[in-house]
Each structure stands twice: as structure tokens, then as C-alpha cells.
Amino acid sequence: MMNLREWSVEETDFISCYWEAGKPGEEIIKEIEQSLPYMETEMQRLAERIVKKLEKLPEKEYGEMVFCHSTVQ
């Protein structure tokens, strides 16, 4: 079982740009992969690392995770 402690701050910040409640992990992987050609090398490496983690994550477990940040107003 993977938990958020296994994700770096950079990874959670990155994935929160793609994450929406109820959106399947497969769809996020697809969106990230489609964005790769438009990223600089360092961001591509980060994105590829995230995709590998998402691919290992069972959909049920993925559905229980929350990758968004609350904002202070």
C-alpha cells in the first residue's frame, strides 16, 4: 500500500495540477504523457517518475488518495 509519505513535495505539487476527484489514474497518466513533449528535461524526469508510481498504484488505492492543496484565504 502506497501512502502520501512515499511522494515527494515536488511530486504531489506536480500531480495536483492534473488531479481531480473521481478522475481515474489512467486518465491522469495519459494527460501527463501527452504533456511530456512540452516540458523541460527536469520536468520530464519528474513526470516520468510520477507516471511509474501511478502505474504501480491499484485504482482502488489511487481513488482513496487526495492530491490537492488547500488554500488559505
PDB file of N, CA and C in Angstrom:
ATOM      1  N   MET A   1       0.843  -1.177   0.000  1.00  0.00           N
ATOM      2  CA  MET A   1       0.000   0.000   0.000  1.00  0.00           C
ATOM      3  C   MET A   1       0.893   1.246   0.000  1.00  0.00           C
ATOM      4  N   MET A   2       0.637   2.152  -0.921  1.00  0.00           N
ATOM      5  CA  MET A   2       1.405   3.385  -1.027  1.00  0.00           C
ATOM      6  C   MET A   2       0.634   4.496  -0.328  1.00  0.00           C
ATOM      7  N   ASN A   3       1.363   5.341   0.394  1.00  0.00           N
ATOM      8  CA  ASN A   3       0.698   6.488   1.010  1.00  0.00           C
ATOM      9  C   ASN A   3       1.426   7.762   0.587  1.00  0.00           C
ATOM     10  N   LEU A   4       0.885   8.884   0.963  1.00  0.00           N
ATOM     11  CA  LEU A   4       1.442  10.160   0.520  1.00  0.00           C
ATOM     12  C   LEU A   4       2.850  10.405   1.033  1.00  0.00           C
ATOM     13  N   ARG A   5       3.259   9.737   2.075  1.00  0.00           N
ATOM     14  CA  ARG A   5       4.634   9.895   2.567  1.00  0.00           C
ATOM     15  C   ARG A   5       5.653   9.377   1.559  1.00  0.00           C
ATOM     16  N   GLU A   6       5.205   8.539   0.649  1.00  0.00           N
ATOM     17  CA  GLU A   6       6.092   7.989  -0.372  1.00  0.00           C
ATOM     18  C   GLU A   6       6.192   8.906  -1.592  1.00  0.00           C
ATOM     19  N   TRP A   7       5.509  10.038  -1.554  1.00  0.00           N
ATOM     20  CA  TRP A   7       5.531  11.008  -2.640  1.00  0.00           C
ATOM     21  C   TRP A   7       6.295  12.241  -2.154  1.00  0.00           C
ATOM     22  N   SER A   8       7.197  12.750  -2.977  1.00  0.00           N
ATOM     23  CA  SER A   8       7.925  13.967  -2.612  1.00  0.00           C
ATOM     24  C   SER A   8       6.994  15.177  -2.748  1.00  0.00           C
ATOM     25  N   VAL A   9       7.402  16.278  -2.160  1.00  0.00           N
ATOM     26  CA  VAL A   9       6.620  17.514  -2.277  1.00  0.00           C
ATOM     27  C   VAL A   9       6.486  17.892  -3.753  1.00  0.00           C
ATOM     28  N   GLU A  10       7.576  17.761  -4.500  1.00  0.00           N
ATOM     29  CA  GLU A  10       7.547  18.097  -5.921  1.00  0.00           C
ATOM     30  C   GLU A  10       6.551  17.219  -6.676  1.00  0.00           C
ATOM     31  N   GLU A  11       6.512  15.935  -6.332  1.00  0.00           N
ATOM     32  CA  GLU A  11       5.590  15.014  -6.994  1.00  0.00           C
ATOM     33  C   GLU A  11       4.138  15.362  -6.676  1.00  0.00           C
ATOM     34  N   THR A  12       3.856  15.633  -5.412  1.00  0.00           N
ATOM     35  CA  THR A  12       2.464  15.955  -5.058  1.00  0.00           C
ATOM     36  C   THR A  12       2.048  17.295  -5.653  1.00  0.00           C
ATOM     37  N   ASP A  13       2.968  18.265  -5.682  1.00  0.00           N
ATOM     38  CA  ASP A  13       2.651  19.546  -6.320  1.00  0.00           C
ATOM     39  C   ASP A  13       2.353  19.352  -7.802  1.00  0.00           C
ATOM     40  N   PHE A  14       3.178  18.560  -8.468  1.00  0.00           N
ATOM     41  CA  PHE A  14       3.011  18.317  -9.899  1.00  0.00           C
ATOM     42  C   PHE A  14       1.679  17.624 -10.181  1.00  0.00           C
ATOM     43  N   ILE A  15       1.437  16.531  -9.481  1.00  0.00           N
ATOM     44  CA  ILE A  15       0.232  15.746  -9.770  1.00  0.00           C
ATOM     45  C   ILE A  15      -1.037  16.505  -9.402  1.00  0.00           C
ATOM     46  N   SER A  16      -0.951  17.429  -8.453  1.00  0.00           N
ATOM     47  CA  SER A  16      -2.150  18.196  -8.093  1.00  0.00           C
ATOM     48  C   SER A  16      -2.627  19.069  -9.253  1.00  0.00           C
ATOM     49  N   CYS A  17      -1.750  19.344 -10.206  1.00  0.00           N
ATOM     50  CA  CYS A  17      -2.151  20.100 -11.403  1.00  0.00           C
ATOM     51  C   CYS A  17      -3.059  19.278 -12.316  1.00  0.00           C
ATOM     52  N   TYR A  18      -2.982  17.964 -12.220  1.00  0.00           N
ATOM     53  CA  TYR A  18      -3.753  17.062 -13.080  1.00  0.00           C
ATOM     54  C   TYR A  18      -4.897  16.385 -12.341  1.00  0.00           C
ATOM     55  N   TRP A  19      -4.780  16.289 -11.023  1.00  0.00           N
ATOM     56  CA  TRP A  19      -5.720  15.520 -10.215  1.00  0.00           C
ATOM     57  C   TRP A  19      -7.071  16.204 -10.102  1.00  0.00           C
ATOM     58  N   GLU A  20      -8.118  15.420 -10.217  1.00  0.00           N
ATOM     59  CA  GLU A  20      -9.489  15.837  -9.926  1.00  0.00           C
ATOM     60  C   GLU A  20     -10.168  14.670  -9.226  1.00  0.00           C
ATOM     61  N   ALA A  21     -10.985  14.959  -8.253  1.00  0.00           N
ATOM     62  CA  ALA A  21     -11.703  13.903  -7.548  1.00  0.00           C
ATOM     63  C   ALA A  21     -12.502  13.079  -8.546  1.00  0.00           C
ATOM     64  N   GLY A  22     -12.350  11.787  -8.463  1.00  0.00           N
ATOM     65  CA  GLY A  22     -13.094  10.894  -9.333  1.00  0.00           C
ATOM     66  C   GLY A  22     -12.443  10.621 -10.680  1.00  0.00           C
ATOM     67  N   LYS A  23     -11.396  11.370 -11.034  1.00  0.00           N
ATOM     68  CA  LYS A  23     -10.724  11.134 -12.317  1.00  0.00           C
ATOM     69  C   LYS A  23      -9.844   9.890 -12.170  1.00  0.00           C
ATOM     70  N   PRO A  24     -10.004   8.914 -13.062  1.00  0.00           N
ATOM     71  CA  PRO A  24      -9.210   7.680 -12.965  1.00  0.00           C
ATOM     72  C   PRO A  24      -7.708   7.953 -13.149  1.00  0.00           C
ATOM     73  N   GLY A  25      -6.902   7.160 -12.444  1.00  0.00           N
ATOM     74  CA  GLY A  25      -5.456   7.279 -12.562  1.00  0.00           C
ATOM     75  C   GLY A  25      -4.976   7.117 -13.996  1.00  0.00           C
ATOM     76  N   GLU A  26      -5.622   6.229 -14.744  1.00  0.00           N
ATOM     77  CA  GLU A  26      -5.237   6.007 -16.149  1.00  0.00           C
ATOM     78  C   GLU A  26      -5.367   7.287 -16.964  1.00  0.00           C
ATOM     79  N   GLU A  27      -6.395   8.067 -16.681  1.00  0.00           N
ATOM     80  CA  GLU A  27      -6.619   9.311 -17.411  1.00  0.00           C
ATOM     81  C   GLU A  27      -5.537  10.338 -17.072  1.00  0.00           C
ATOM     82  N   ILE A  28      -5.144  10.388 -15.811  1.00  0.00           N
ATOM     83  CA  ILE A  28      -4.081  11.311 -15.411  1.00  0.00           C
ATOM     84  C   ILE A  28      -2.763  10.908 -16.065  1.00  0.00           C
ATOM     85  N   ILE A  29      -2.475   9.623 -16.079  1.00  0.00           N
ATOM     86  CA  ILE A  29      -1.256   9.138 -16.737  1.00  0.00           C
ATOM     87  C   ILE A  29      -1.256   9.569 -18.198  1.00  0.00           C
ATOM     88  N   LYS A  30      -2.368   9.386 -18.866  1.00  0.00           N
ATOM     89  CA  LYS A  30      -2.483   9.757 -20.278  1.00  0.00           C
ATOM     90  C   LYS A  30      -2.242  11.263 -20.469  1.00  0.00           C
ATOM     91  N   GLU A  31      -2.839  12.083 -19.615  1.00  0.00           N
ATOM     92  CA  GLU A  31      -2.664  13.535 -19.721  1.00  0.00           C
ATOM     93  C   GLU A  31      -1.218  13.949 -19.475  1.00  0.00           C
ATOM     94  N   ILE A  32      -0.578  13.325 -18.489  1.00  0.00           N
ATOM     95  CA  ILE A  32       0.824  13.640 -18.210  1.00  0.00           C
ATOM     96  C   ILE A  32       1.693  13.243 -19.401  1.00  0.00           C
ATOM     97  N   GLU A  33       1.469  12.048 -19.930  1.00  0.00           N
ATOM     98  CA  GLU A  33       2.265  11.586 -21.074  1.00  0.00           C
ATOM     99  C   GLU A  33       2.068  12.479 -22.295  1.00  0.00           C
ATOM    100  N   GLN A  34       0.874  12.982 -22.496  1.00  0.00           N
ATOM    101  CA  GLN A  34       0.622  13.885 -23.621  1.00  0.00           C
ATOM    102  C   GLN A  34       1.331  15.227 -23.439  1.00  0.00           C
ATOM    103  N   SER A  35       1.585  15.604 -22.202  1.00  0.00           N
ATOM    104  CA  SER A  35       2.241  16.880 -21.900  1.00  0.00           C
ATOM    105  C   SER A  35       3.768  16.804 -21.973  1.00  0.00           C
ATOM    106  N   LEU A  36       4.330  15.598 -21.938  1.00  0.00           N
ATOM    107  CA  LEU A  36       5.782  15.433 -21.887  1.00  0.00           C
ATOM    108  C   LEU A  36       6.554  16.228 -22.941  1.00  0.00           C
ATOM    109  N   PRO A  37       6.141  16.244 -24.218  1.00  0.00           N
ATOM    110  CA  PRO A  37       6.925  16.967 -25.225  1.00  0.00           C
ATOM    111  C   PRO A  37       7.027  18.473 -24.969  1.00  0.00           C
ATOM    112  N   TYR A  38       6.157  19.001 -24.141  1.00  0.00           N
ATOM    113  CA  TYR A  38       6.129  20.440 -23.880  1.00  0.00           C
ATOM    114  C   TYR A  38       6.875  20.824 -22.601  1.00  0.00           C
ATOM    115  N   MET A  39       7.465  19.847 -21.940  1.00  0.00           N
ATOM    116  CA  MET A  39       8.159  20.077 -20.676  1.00  0.00           C
ATOM    117  C   MET A  39       9.664  20.140 -20.889  1.00  0.00           C
ATOM    118  N   GLU A  40      10.309  20.881 -20.009  1.00  0.00           N
ATOM    119  CA  GLU A  40      11.767  20.883 -19.990  1.00  0.00           C
ATOM    120  C   GLU A  40      12.244  19.554 -19.410  1.00  0.00           C
ATOM    121  N   THR A  41      13.506  19.246 -19.620  1.00  0.00           N
ATOM    122  CA  THR A  41      14.070  17.944 -19.249  1.00  0.00           C
ATOM    123  C   THR A  41      13.827  17.573 -17.794  1.00  0.00           C
ATOM    124  N   GLU A  42      14.083  18.485 -16.866  1.00  0.00           N
ATOM    125  CA  GLU A  42      13.898  18.175 -15.439  1.00  0.00           C
ATOM    126  C   GLU A  42      12.440  17.830 -15.134  1.00  0.00           C
ATOM    127  N   MET A  43      11.517  18.573 -15.736  1.00  0.00           N
ATOM    128  CA  MET A  43      10.094  18.301 -15.520  1.00  0.00           C
ATOM    129  C   MET A  43       9.696  16.975 -16.159  1.00  0.00           C
ATOM    130  N   GLN A  44      10.295  16.648 -17.300  1.00  0.00           N
ATOM    131  CA  GLN A  44      10.009  15.356 -17.931  1.00  0.00           C
ATOM    132  C   GLN A  44      10.424  14.218 -17.007  1.00  0.00           C
ATOM    133  N   ARG A  45      11.595  14.346 -16.402  1.00  0.00           N
ATOM    134  CA  ARG A  45      12.061  13.299 -15.472  1.00  0.00           C
ATOM    135  C   ARG A  45      11.105  13.157 -14.292  1.00  0.00           C
ATOM    136  N   LEU A  46      10.685  14.277 -13.752  1.00  0.00           N
ATOM    137  CA  LEU A  46       9.730  14.260 -12.639  1.00  0.00           C
ATOM    138  C   LEU A  46       8.427  13.602 -13.077  1.00  0.00           C
ATOM    139  N   ALA A  47       7.918  13.985 -14.226  1.00  0.00           N
ATOM    140  CA  ALA A  47       6.663  13.434 -14.745  1.00  0.00           C
ATOM    141  C   ALA A  47       6.776  11.932 -14.981  1.00  0.00           C
ATOM    142  N   GLU A  48       7.891  11.504 -15.528  1.00  0.00           N
ATOM    143  CA  GLU A  48       8.085  10.069 -15.782  1.00  0.00           C
ATOM    144  C   GLU A  48       8.139   9.279 -14.481  1.00  0.00           C
ATOM    145  N   ARG A  49       8.760   9.860 -13.458  1.00  0.00           N
ATOM    146  CA  ARG A  49       8.815   9.209 -12.146  1.00  0.00           C
ATOM    147  C   ARG A  49       7.407   9.087 -11.558  1.00  0.00           C
ATOM    148  N   ILE A  50       6.611  10.123 -11.723  1.00  0.00           N
ATOM    149  CA  ILE A  50       5.237  10.109 -11.220  1.00  0.00           C
ATOM    150  C   ILE A  50       4.402   9.065 -11.948  1.00  0.00           C
ATOM    151  N   VAL A  51       4.548   9.008 -13.263  1.00  0.00           N
ATOM    152  CA  VAL A  51       3.804   8.019 -14.053  1.00  0.00           C
ATOM    153  C   VAL A  51       4.135   6.608 -13.575  1.00  0.00           C
ATOM    154  N   LYS A  52       5.409   6.329 -13.319  1.00  0.00           N
ATOM    155  CA  LYS A  52       5.799   4.998 -12.841  1.00  0.00           C
ATOM    156  C   LYS A  52       5.123   4.679 -11.508  1.00  0.00           C
ATOM    157  N   LYS A  53       5.060   5.662 -10.615  1.00  0.00           N
ATOM    158  CA  LYS A  53       4.390   5.437  -9.327  1.00  0.00           C
ATOM    159  C   LYS A  53       2.899   5.204  -9.520  1.00  0.00           C
ATOM    160  N   LEU A  54       2.286   5.994 -10.392  1.00  0.00           N
ATOM    161  CA  LEU A  54       0.849   5.827 -10.637  1.00  0.00           C
ATOM    162  C   LEU A  54       0.538   4.472 -11.261  1.00  0.00           C
ATOM    163  N   GLU A  55       1.405   4.013 -12.150  1.00  0.00           N
ATOM    164  CA  GLU A  55       1.174   2.719 -12.797  1.00  0.00           C
ATOM    165  C   GLU A  55       1.223   1.567 -11.795  1.00  0.00           C
ATOM    166  N   LYS A  56       1.992   1.713 -10.729  1.00  0.00           N
ATOM    167  CA  LYS A  56       2.095   0.669  -9.700  1.00  0.00           C
ATOM    168  C   LYS A  56       0.926   0.704  -8.714  1.00  0.00           C
ATOM    169  N   LEU A  57       0.231   1.814  -8.694  1.00  0.00           N
ATOM    170  CA  LEU A  57      -0.820   2.041  -7.704  1.00  0.00           C
ATOM    171  C   LEU A  57      -2.134   1.418  -8.165  1.00  0.00           C
ATOM    172  N   PRO A  58      -2.704   0.504  -7.384  1.00  0.00           N
ATOM    173  CA  PRO A  58      -4.013  -0.047  -7.747  1.00  0.00           C
ATOM    174  C   PRO A  58      -5.061   1.067  -7.794  1.00  0.00           C
ATOM    175  N   GLU A  59      -5.998   0.963  -8.709  1.00  0.00           N
ATOM    176  CA  GLU A  59      -7.012   2.013  -8.897  1.00  0.00           C
ATOM    177  C   GLU A  59      -7.791   2.282  -7.611  1.00  0.00           C
ATOM    178  N   LYS A  60      -8.094   1.239  -6.853  1.00  0.00           N
ATOM    179  CA  LYS A  60      -8.822   1.429  -5.587  1.00  0.00           C
ATOM    180  C   LYS A  60      -8.009   2.294  -4.635  1.00  0.00           C
ATOM    181  N   GLU A  61      -6.723   1.998  -4.516  1.00  0.00           N
ATOM    182  CA  GLU A  61      -5.850   2.769  -3.629  1.00  0.00           C
ATOM    183  C   GLU A  61      -5.687   4.198  -4.148  1.00  0.00           C
ATOM    184  N   TYR A  62      -5.543   4.336  -5.461  1.00  0.00           N
ATOM    185  CA  TYR A  62      -5.434   5.660  -6.061  1.00  0.00           C
ATOM    186  C   TYR A  62      -6.682   6.488  -5.728  1.00  0.00           C
ATOM    187  N   GLY A  63      -7.850   5.862  -5.819  1.00  0.00           N
ATOM    188  CA  GLY A  63      -9.100   6.556  -5.564  1.00  0.00           C
ATOM    189  C   GLY A  63      -9.231   7.076  -4.140  1.00  0.00           C
ATOM    190  N   GLU A  64      -8.457   6.503  -3.223  1.00  0.00           N
ATOM    191  CA  GLU A  64      -8.504   6.931  -1.825  1.00  0.00           C
ATOM    192  C   GLU A  64      -7.536   8.075  -1.536  1.00  0.00           C
ATOM    193  N   MET A  65      -6.662   8.388  -2.490  1.00  0.00           N
ATOM    194  CA  MET A  65      -5.668   9.437  -2.271  1.00  0.00           C
ATOM    195  C   MET A  65      -6.206  10.788  -2.721  1.00  0.00           C
ATOM    196  N   VAL A  66      -5.720  11.842  -2.082  1.00  0.00           N
ATOM    197  CA  VAL A  66      -6.114  13.186  -2.430  1.00  0.00           C
ATOM    198  C   VAL A  66      -4.842  13.982  -2.722  1.00  0.00           C
ATOM    199  N   PHE A  67      -4.740  14.516  -3.944  1.00  0.00           N
ATOM    200  CA  PHE A  67      -3.545  15.236  -4.367  1.00  0.00           C
ATOM    201  C   PHE A  67      -3.845  16.706  -4.607  1.00  0.00           C
ATOM    202  N   CYS A  68      -4.573  17.331  -3.739  1.00  0.00           N
ATOM    203  CA  CYS A  68      -4.844  18.749  -3.954  1.00  0.00           C
ATOM    204  C   CYS A  68      -4.420  19.519  -2.718  1.00  0.00           C
ATOM    205  N   HIS A  69      -4.200  20.776  -2.908  1.00  0.00           N
ATOM    206  CA  HIS A  69      -3.742  21.621  -1.818  1.00  0.00           C
ATOM    207  C   HIS A  69      -4.873  22.556  -1.414  1.00  0.00           C
ATOM    208  N   SER A  70      -5.016  22.740  -0.134  1.00  0.00           N
ATOM    209  CA  SER A  70      -5.989  23.724   0.322  1.00  0.00           C
ATOM    210  C   SER A  70      -5.317  25.104   0.274  1.00  0.00           C
ATOM    211  N   THR A  71      -6.115  26.108   0.088  1.00  0.00           N
ATOM    212  CA  THR A  71      -5.570  27.455   0.042  1.00  0.00           C
ATOM    213  C   THR A  71      -6.066  28.223   1.252  1.00  0.00           C
ATOM    214  N   VAL A  72      -5.227  29.085   1.740  1.00  0.00           N
ATOM    215  CA  VAL A  72      -5.577  29.923   2.881  1.00  0.00           C
ATOM    216  C   VAL A  72      -6.137  31.217   2.344  1.00  0.00           C
ATOM    217  N   GLN A  73      -7.277  31.638   2.850  1.00  0.00           N
ATOM    218  CA  GLN A  73      -7.891  32.886   2.379  1.00  0.00           C
ATOM    219  C   GLN A  73      -7.959  33.889   3.483  1.00  0.00           C
TER     220      GLN A  73
END
